[in-house]
């Protein structure tokens, strides 16, 4: 690669790092207008190990608005992005996620770790997320302060809540 190509690649990596940090911040501050600017129009998402998958920016934002209510303060911390710029308009990354959620309605606390898989596309000189999802490494949650559960791999606390709702 030429020096100019290497510099462009590094600038792309930093722009993607900035974009991913913005996504995390907007998610935790419930800045849905900011989140919207992170996505391509045709974004796809796969949250909760694929149990909650959505196609298109409106559908993804609709899910996030509902799921990330004020009843559930959260912190999503990302570490060590492995960013691969494939060409001038496409890139992918793996990010280590550590998250904390407090759900007031269900009186639940969650701490977990996952690996985000994210794909990016450059449109009009701006990087955007066009595919995002994660695979859980583990989840630890307490429900109503009485039950402590650890789930490993693909089991999700959201699956447990869904099962509880079905039993009612």
Foldseek 3Di string as FASTA:
>chain_A
DDPVVVVLVVVVVVLVVVLVVQCQVCLQVVVLVSNLVQADQFAWEAELLNPDIDTGSVGVSVVSPVVSDPQKHKHKDWDDWPKADPDNFKIKTKIKIWMWIQGNVQRKIKTFIWIKIWMWTQDPNHIHTRYIYIWTQKMWMDTPNPDIDIDGTRHDVVVVVVVVVVVD
